[in-house]
């Protein structure tokens, strides 16, 4: 199963818990705020899997749920406004993914259930005190990416033993990325130099950063 499909299905399954906790009310139409990090086009497969996960649990758009979509398009400073709109429209549940969006949702409401489709390290980010007992109004899944990113670098070095320089393009607006970089730095060892570039947004900016690294400039 593709990662996006898996995450979407997980999100749909997780969402059933807060809806069920409210109790099945005859004729009730549940309102769900979906806060996307990118765009409808880029997250189409994730959204399709999310809808299917809900349908498998008998929650169907147009029948007993309404999903309100808001898209940040990579601009994380939009999330506080999205959360405020969701609170004002009295949604029943907020669904989102990623550290910036989840932190904004946590800051924006202490009563509306929040479902994390996925997050890197919710404990380090200050989202929940523990995975076993998250408490509050937040539930979801975590990928704990710092360890995974270190392992990816180790695998790269096994495949290309002579690699000595690795370029990493990262977005400092996501606080989880600092921990991910630390994990890669720890796994790199003395023989491999990690070169980082901050604040790159969009495909053209990423391509420009990679070209600069190939030239050894910037």
C-alpha atoms as a PDB file:
ATOM      1  CA  UNK A   1       0.000   0.000   0.000  1.00  0.00           C
ATOM      2  CA  UNK A   2       1.364   3.450  -0.934  1.00  0.00           C
ATOM      3  CA  UNK A   3       2.307   5.703   1.987  1.00  0.00           C
ATOM      4  CA  UNK A   4      -0.281   8.382   1.150  1.00  0.00           C
ATOM      5  CA  UNK A   5      -3.037   5.778   0.887  1.00  0.00           C
ATOM      6  CA  UNK A   6      -1.964   4.219   4.168  1.00  0.00           C
ATOM      7  CA  UNK A   7      -1.950   7.566   5.991  1.00  0.00           C
ATOM      8  CA  UNK A   8      -5.348   8.481   4.603  1.00  0.00           C
ATOM      9  CA  UNK A   9      -6.861   5.183   5.662  1.00  0.00           C
ATOM     10  CA  UNK A  10      -5.341   5.505   9.130  1.00  0.00           C
ATOM     11  CA  UNK A  11      -6.758   9.022   9.460  1.00  0.00           C
ATOM     12  CA  UNK A  12     -10.211   7.778   8.518  1.00  0.00           C
ATOM     13  CA  UNK A  13     -10.010   5.012  11.091  1.00  0.00           C
ATOM     14  CA  UNK A  14      -8.720   7.324  13.828  1.00  0.00           C
ATOM     15  CA  UNK A  15     -11.486   9.798  13.130  1.00  0.00           C
ATOM     16  CA  UNK A  16     -14.125   7.207  13.961  1.00  0.00           C
ATOM     17  CA  UNK A  17     -13.139   7.271  17.653  1.00  0.00           C
ATOM     18  CA  UNK A  18     -14.034  10.907  18.436  1.00  0.00           C
ATOM     19  CA  UNK A  19     -17.200  10.669  16.346  1.00  0.00           C
ATOM     20  CA  UNK A  20     -18.272   7.505  18.158  1.00  0.00           C
ATOM     21  CA  UNK A  21     -17.492   9.141  21.493  1.00  0.00           C
ATOM     22  CA  UNK A  22     -20.127  11.761  20.751  1.00  0.00           C
ATOM     23  CA  UNK A  23     -22.685   9.009  20.292  1.00  0.00           C
ATOM     24  CA  UNK A  24     -24.753   8.047  17.270  1.00  0.00           C
ATOM     25  CA  UNK A  25     -27.488  10.653  16.941  1.00  0.00           C
ATOM     26  CA  UNK A  26     -30.322  10.008  14.513  1.00  0.00           C
ATOM     27  CA  UNK A  27     -30.124  12.453  11.609  1.00  0.00           C
ATOM     28  CA  UNK A  28     -26.884  14.009  12.865  1.00  0.00           C
ATOM     29  CA  UNK A  29     -24.565  15.348  10.163  1.00  0.00           C
ATOM     30  CA  UNK A  30     -20.985  15.581  11.422  1.00  0.00           C
ATOM     31  CA  UNK A  31     -18.812  18.505  10.306  1.00  0.00           C
ATOM     32  CA  UNK A  32     -15.119  17.731   9.749  1.00  0.00           C
ATOM     33  CA  UNK A  33     -12.427  20.354   9.142  1.00  0.00           C
ATOM     34  CA  UNK A  34      -9.612  18.950   6.996  1.00  0.00           C
ATOM     35  CA  UNK A  35      -6.499  21.150   7.069  1.00  0.00           C
ATOM     36  CA  UNK A  36      -4.136  20.226   4.236  1.00  0.00           C
ATOM     37  CA  UNK A  37      -0.448  21.145   4.114  1.00  0.00           C
ATOM     38  CA  UNK A  38      -0.255  21.482   0.336  1.00  0.00           C
ATOM     39  CA  UNK A  39      -3.074  21.518  -2.231  1.00  0.00           C
ATOM     40  CA  UNK A  40      -6.070  19.458  -3.262  1.00  0.00           C
ATOM     41  CA  UNK A  41      -4.180  18.214  -6.325  1.00  0.00           C
ATOM     42  CA  UNK A  42      -1.101  17.092  -4.397  1.00  0.00           C
ATOM     43  CA  UNK A  43      -3.108  15.417  -1.640  1.00  0.00           C
ATOM     44  CA  UNK A  44      -5.754  13.825  -3.864  1.00  0.00           C
ATOM     45  CA  UNK A  45      -4.686  10.245  -3.120  1.00  0.00           C
ATOM     46  CA  UNK A  46      -4.510  10.916   0.617  1.00  0.00           C
ATOM     47  CA  UNK A  47      -7.985  12.487   0.586  1.00  0.00           C
ATOM     48  CA  UNK A  48      -9.396   9.592  -1.455  1.00  0.00           C
ATOM     49  CA  UNK A  49      -8.067   7.091   1.075  1.00  0.00           C
ATOM     50  CA  UNK A  50      -9.371   9.251   3.927  1.00  0.00           C
ATOM     51  CA  UNK A  51     -12.871   9.268   2.439  1.00  0.00           C
ATOM     52  CA  UNK A  52     -12.721   5.520   1.827  1.00  0.00           C
ATOM     53  CA  UNK A  53     -11.641   4.902   5.423  1.00  0.00           C
ATOM     54  CA  UNK A  54     -14.666   6.851   6.593  1.00  0.00           C
ATOM     55  CA  UNK A  55     -17.007   5.047   4.198  1.00  0.00           C
ATOM     56  CA  UNK A  56     -15.768   1.718   5.554  1.00  0.00           C
ATOM     57  CA  UNK A  57     -17.049   2.906   8.937  1.00  0.00           C
ATOM     58  CA  UNK A  58     -20.374   4.091   7.490  1.00  0.00           C
ATOM     59  CA  UNK A  59     -19.509   7.792   7.457  1.00  0.00           C
ATOM     60  CA  UNK A  60     -20.388   9.062   3.978  1.00  0.00           C
ATOM     61  CA  UNK A  61     -20.152  12.584   2.569  1.00  0.00           C
ATOM     62  CA  UNK A  62     -23.568  13.968   1.686  1.00  0.00           C
ATOM     63  CA  UNK A  63     -25.279  11.568   4.056  1.00  0.00           C
ATOM     64  CA  UNK A  64     -23.951  11.886   7.599  1.00  0.00           C
ATOM     65  CA  UNK A  65     -20.712  13.914   7.261  1.00  0.00           C
ATOM     66  CA  UNK A  66     -19.603  17.179   5.691  1.00  0.00           C
ATOM     67  CA  UNK A  67     -15.882  17.767   5.121  1.00  0.00           C
ATOM     68  CA  UNK A  68     -14.619  21.358   4.934  1.00  0.00           C
ATOM     69  CA  UNK A  69     -11.243  21.494   3.159  1.00  0.00           C
ATOM     70  CA  UNK A  70      -8.661  24.219   3.672  1.00  0.00           C
ATOM     71  CA  UNK A  71      -5.305  24.160   1.866  1.00  0.00           C
ATOM     72  CA  UNK A  72      -2.146  25.868   3.153  1.00  0.00           C
ATOM     73  CA  UNK A  73      -0.193  25.330  -0.107  1.00  0.00           C
ATOM     74  CA  UNK A  74       3.041  25.134   1.873  1.00  0.00           C
ATOM     75  CA  UNK A  75       2.382  28.380   3.776  1.00  0.00           C
ATOM     76  CA  UNK A  76       2.226  27.220   7.377  1.00  0.00           C
ATOM     77  CA  UNK A  77       1.295  30.663   8.706  1.00  0.00           C
ATOM     78  CA  UNK A  78      -2.192  30.065   7.276  1.00  0.00           C
ATOM     79  CA  UNK A  79      -2.983  27.359   9.827  1.00  0.00           C
ATOM     80  CA  UNK A  80      -3.948  29.586  12.798  1.00  0.00           C
ATOM     81  CA  UNK A  81      -6.516  31.323  10.588  1.00  0.00           C
ATOM     82  CA  UNK A  82      -7.819  27.975   9.307  1.00  0.00           C
ATOM     83  CA  UNK A  83      -8.245  26.728  12.875  1.00  0.00           C
ATOM     84  CA  UNK A  84     -10.050  29.923  13.898  1.00  0.00           C
ATOM     85  CA  UNK A  85     -12.452  29.473  10.970  1.00  0.00           C
ATOM     86  CA  UNK A  86     -13.072  25.855  11.942  1.00  0.00           C
ATOM     87  CA  UNK A  87     -13.804  26.815  15.554  1.00  0.00           C
ATOM     88  CA  UNK A  88     -16.137  29.600  14.443  1.00  0.00           C
ATOM     89  CA  UNK A  89     -18.053  27.258  12.139  1.00  0.00           C
ATOM     90  CA  UNK A  90     -18.449  24.815  15.056  1.00  0.00           C
ATOM     91  CA  UNK A  91     -16.968  21.740  13.403  1.00  0.00           C
ATOM     92  CA  UNK A  92     -17.094  18.461  15.316  1.00  0.00           C
ATOM     93  CA  UNK A  93     -13.551  17.301  14.517  1.00  0.00           C
ATOM     94  CA  UNK A  94     -10.338  18.773  13.063  1.00  0.00           C
ATOM     95  CA  UNK A  95      -8.156  16.469  10.939  1.00  0.00           C
ATOM     96  CA  UNK A  96      -4.662  17.459   9.869  1.00  0.00           C
ATOM     97  CA  UNK A  97      -1.057  16.275   9.605  1.00  0.00           C
ATOM     98  CA  UNK A  98       2.407  17.621  10.316  1.00  0.00           C
ATOM     99  CA  UNK A  99       3.827  19.511  13.280  1.00  0.00           C
ATOM    100  CA  UNK A 100       2.957  23.126  12.275  1.00  0.00           C
ATOM    101  CA  UNK A 101      -0.700  22.346  11.556  1.00  0.00           C
ATOM    102  CA  UNK A 102      -1.165  20.242  14.683  1.00  0.00           C
ATOM    103  CA  UNK A 103       0.462  22.857  16.924  1.00  0.00           C
ATOM    104  CA  UNK A 104      -1.843  25.503  15.443  1.00  0.00           C
ATOM    105  CA  UNK A 105      -4.879  23.289  16.072  1.00  0.00           C
ATOM    106  CA  UNK A 106      -3.781  22.616  19.643  1.00  0.00           C
ATOM    107  CA  UNK A 107      -3.325  26.333  20.274  1.00  0.00           C
ATOM    108  CA  UNK A 108      -6.680  27.167  18.675  1.00  0.00           C
ATOM    109  CA  UNK A 109      -8.964  24.843  20.613  1.00  0.00           C
ATOM    110  CA  UNK A 110      -9.011  22.798  23.795  1.00  0.00           C
ATOM    111  CA  UNK A 111     -12.460  21.295  23.201  1.00  0.00           C
ATOM    112  CA  UNK A 112     -12.807  20.216  19.561  1.00  0.00           C
ATOM    113  CA  UNK A 113     -11.230  16.773  18.991  1.00  0.00           C
ATOM    114  CA  UNK A 114      -8.076  16.907  16.865  1.00  0.00           C
ATOM    115  CA  UNK A 115      -6.958  13.904  14.803  1.00  0.00           C
ATOM    116  CA  UNK A 116      -3.290  13.780  13.761  1.00  0.00           C
ATOM    117  CA  UNK A 117      -3.113  11.816  10.516  1.00  0.00           C
ATOM    118  CA  UNK A 118       0.645  11.682  11.055  1.00  0.00           C
ATOM    119  CA  UNK A 119       3.309  13.666  12.922  1.00  0.00           C
ATOM    120  CA  UNK A 120       7.041  13.195  13.340  1.00  0.00           C
ATOM    121  CA  UNK A 121       7.597  13.351  17.107  1.00  0.00           C
ATOM    122  CA  UNK A 122       4.601  14.726  19.029  1.00  0.00           C
ATOM    123  CA  UNK A 123       6.410  14.531  22.374  1.00  0.00           C
ATOM    124  CA  UNK A 124       9.449  16.566  21.269  1.00  0.00           C
ATOM    125  CA  UNK A 125       7.135  19.065  19.545  1.00  0.00           C
ATOM    126  CA  UNK A 126       5.154  19.562  22.740  1.00  0.00           C
ATOM    127  CA  UNK A 127       1.909  18.291  21.245  1.00  0.00           C
ATOM    128  CA  UNK A 128       1.323  15.525  23.812  1.00  0.00           C
ATOM    129  CA  UNK A 129       3.086  14.529  27.054  1.00  0.00           C
ATOM    130  CA  UNK A 130       3.292  10.834  26.086  1.00  0.00           C
ATOM    131  CA  UNK A 131       2.130   8.442  23.375  1.00  0.00           C
ATOM    132  CA  UNK A 132       0.503   6.074  25.851  1.00  0.00           C
ATOM    133  CA  UNK A 133      -1.478   8.857  27.558  1.00  0.00           C
ATOM    134  CA  UNK A 134      -1.750  11.837  25.204  1.00  0.00           C
ATOM    135  CA  UNK A 135      -4.554  13.420  27.217  1.00  0.00           C
ATOM    136  CA  UNK A 136      -6.511  16.485  26.178  1.00  0.00           C
ATOM    137  CA  UNK A 137      -8.365  16.588  22.877  1.00  0.00           C
ATOM    138  CA  UNK A 138      -5.663  15.148  20.577  1.00  0.00           C
ATOM    139  CA  UNK A 139      -5.282  11.646  19.158  1.00  0.00           C
ATOM    140  CA  UNK A 140      -3.549  10.159  16.124  1.00  0.00           C
ATOM    141  CA  UNK A 141      -0.405   8.462  14.875  1.00  0.00           C
ATOM    142  CA  UNK A 142       3.306   9.333  14.982  1.00  0.00           C
ATOM    143  CA  UNK A 143       6.111   8.327  12.635  1.00  0.00           C
ATOM    144  CA  UNK A 144       9.047   9.307  14.906  1.00  0.00           C
ATOM    145  CA  UNK A 145      11.021  10.361  11.807  1.00  0.00           C
ATOM    146  CA  UNK A 146      14.402  11.396  13.346  1.00  0.00           C
ATOM    147  CA  UNK A 147      15.429   7.773  13.832  1.00  0.00           C
ATOM    148  CA  UNK A 148      14.091   6.822  10.401  1.00  0.00           C
ATOM    149  CA  UNK A 149      16.005   9.623   8.670  1.00  0.00           C
ATOM    150  CA  UNK A 150      19.244   8.505  10.320  1.00  0.00           C
ATOM    151  CA  UNK A 151      18.606   4.985   9.078  1.00  0.00           C
ATOM    152  CA  UNK A 152      17.979   6.282   5.551  1.00  0.00           C
ATOM    153  CA  UNK A 153      21.375   7.966   5.576  1.00  0.00           C
ATOM    154  CA  UNK A 154      23.002   4.758   6.798  1.00  0.00           C
ATOM    155  CA  UNK A 155      21.376   2.851   3.924  1.00  0.00           C
ATOM    156  CA  UNK A 156      22.592   5.483   1.450  1.00  0.00           C
ATOM    157  CA  UNK A 157      26.155   5.036   2.703  1.00  0.00           C
ATOM    158  CA  UNK A 158      25.839   1.266   2.303  1.00  0.00           C
ATOM    159  CA  UNK A 159      24.660   1.708  -1.295  1.00  0.00           C
ATOM    160  CA  UNK A 160      27.264   4.386  -2.103  1.00  0.00           C
ATOM    161  CA  UNK A 161      30.209   3.708   0.250  1.00  0.00           C
ATOM    162  CA  UNK A 162      32.327   6.540  -1.150  1.00  0.00           C
ATOM    163  CA  UNK A 163      29.726   9.262  -0.527  1.00  0.00           C
ATOM    164  CA  UNK A 164      31.297  12.121   1.425  1.00  0.00           C
ATOM    165  CA  UNK A 165      28.849  15.010   0.983  1.00  0.00           C
ATOM    166  CA  UNK A 166      25.041  14.935   1.314  1.00  0.00           C
ATOM    167  CA  UNK A 167      22.838  17.973   0.624  1.00  0.00           C
ATOM    168  CA  UNK A 168      19.603  18.385   2.589  1.00  0.00           C
ATOM    169  CA  UNK A 169      16.916  20.917   1.633  1.00  0.00           C
ATOM    170  CA  UNK A 170      14.668  21.654   4.611  1.00  0.00           C
ATOM    171  CA  UNK A 171      11.915  24.017   5.705  1.00  0.00           C
ATOM    172  CA  UNK A 172      12.705  25.690   9.065  1.00  0.00           C
ATOM    173  CA  UNK A 173       9.014  26.593   9.477  1.00  0.00           C
ATOM    174  CA  UNK A 174       8.437  22.974  10.512  1.00  0.00           C
ATOM    175  CA  UNK A 175       9.988  22.531  13.999  1.00  0.00           C
ATOM    176  CA  UNK A 176      10.171  18.764  13.525  1.00  0.00           C
ATOM    177  CA  UNK A 177      12.828  19.217  10.835  1.00  0.00           C
ATOM    178  CA  UNK A 178      15.491  20.315  13.326  1.00  0.00           C
ATOM    179  CA  UNK A 179      15.241  16.966  15.135  1.00  0.00           C
ATOM    180  CA  UNK A 180      15.340  15.162  11.788  1.00  0.00           C
ATOM    181  CA  UNK A 181      18.548  16.966  10.847  1.00  0.00           C
ATOM    182  CA  UNK A 182      20.077  16.057  14.202  1.00  0.00           C
ATOM    183  CA  UNK A 183      19.278  12.405  13.509  1.00  0.00           C
ATOM    184  CA  UNK A 184      21.020  12.563  10.146  1.00  0.00           C
ATOM    185  CA  UNK A 185      24.014  14.387  11.591  1.00  0.00           C
ATOM    186  CA  UNK A 186      24.392  11.706  14.262  1.00  0.00           C
ATOM    187  CA  UNK A 187      24.245   8.942  11.642  1.00  0.00           C
ATOM    188  CA  UNK A 188      26.620  10.661   9.199  1.00  0.00           C
ATOM    189  CA  UNK A 189      29.828  10.040  11.150  1.00  0.00           C
ATOM    190  CA  UNK A 190      33.122  11.845  10.609  1.00  0.00           C
ATOM    191  CA  UNK A 191      33.487  10.678   7.005  1.00  0.00           C
ATOM    192  CA  UNK A 192      30.312  12.309   5.660  1.00  0.00           C
ATOM    193  CA  UNK A 193      29.520  16.025   5.592  1.00  0.00           C
ATOM    194  CA  UNK A 194      25.846  17.079   5.789  1.00  0.00           C
ATOM    195  CA  UNK A 195      25.249  20.311   3.868  1.00  0.00           C
ATOM    196  CA  UNK A 196      21.934  21.999   4.715  1.00  0.00           C
ATOM    197  CA  UNK A 197      19.926  24.701   2.999  1.00  0.00           C
ATOM    198  CA  UNK A 198      17.111  26.498   4.811  1.00  0.00           C
ATOM    199  CA  UNK A 199      13.941  28.203   3.714  1.00  0.00           C
ATOM    200  CA  UNK A 200      13.555  26.710   0.244  1.00  0.00           C
ATOM    201  CA  UNK A 201       9.942  26.634  -0.954  1.00  0.00           C
ATOM    202  CA  UNK A 202       8.615  25.274  -4.186  1.00  0.00           C
ATOM    203  CA  UNK A 203      10.114  23.078  -6.869  1.00  0.00           C
ATOM    204  CA  UNK A 204      11.995  25.881  -8.653  1.00  0.00           C
ATOM    205  CA  UNK A 205      13.701  26.997  -5.414  1.00  0.00           C
ATOM    206  CA  UNK A 206      14.626  23.397  -4.613  1.00  0.00           C
ATOM    207  CA  UNK A 207      16.124  22.886  -8.063  1.00  0.00           C
ATOM    208  CA  UNK A 208      18.106  26.122  -7.687  1.00  0.00           C
ATOM    209  CA  UNK A 209      19.481  24.952  -4.331  1.00  0.00           C
ATOM    210  CA  UNK A 210      20.541  21.616  -5.767  1.00  0.00           C
ATOM    211  CA  UNK A 211      22.276  23.296  -8.701  1.00  0.00           C
ATOM    212  CA  UNK A 212      24.165  25.554  -6.282  1.00  0.00           C
ATOM    213  CA  UNK A 213      25.313  22.559  -4.257  1.00  0.00           C
ATOM    214  CA  UNK A 214      26.548  20.774  -7.369  1.00  0.00           C
ATOM    215  CA  UNK A 215      28.600  23.845  -8.185  1.00  0.00           C
ATOM    216  CA  UNK A 216      29.786  24.107  -4.571  1.00  0.00           C
ATOM    217  CA  UNK A 217      28.351  27.625  -4.219  1.00  0.00           C
ATOM    218  CA  UNK A 218      25.789  29.323  -1.968  1.00  0.00           C
END
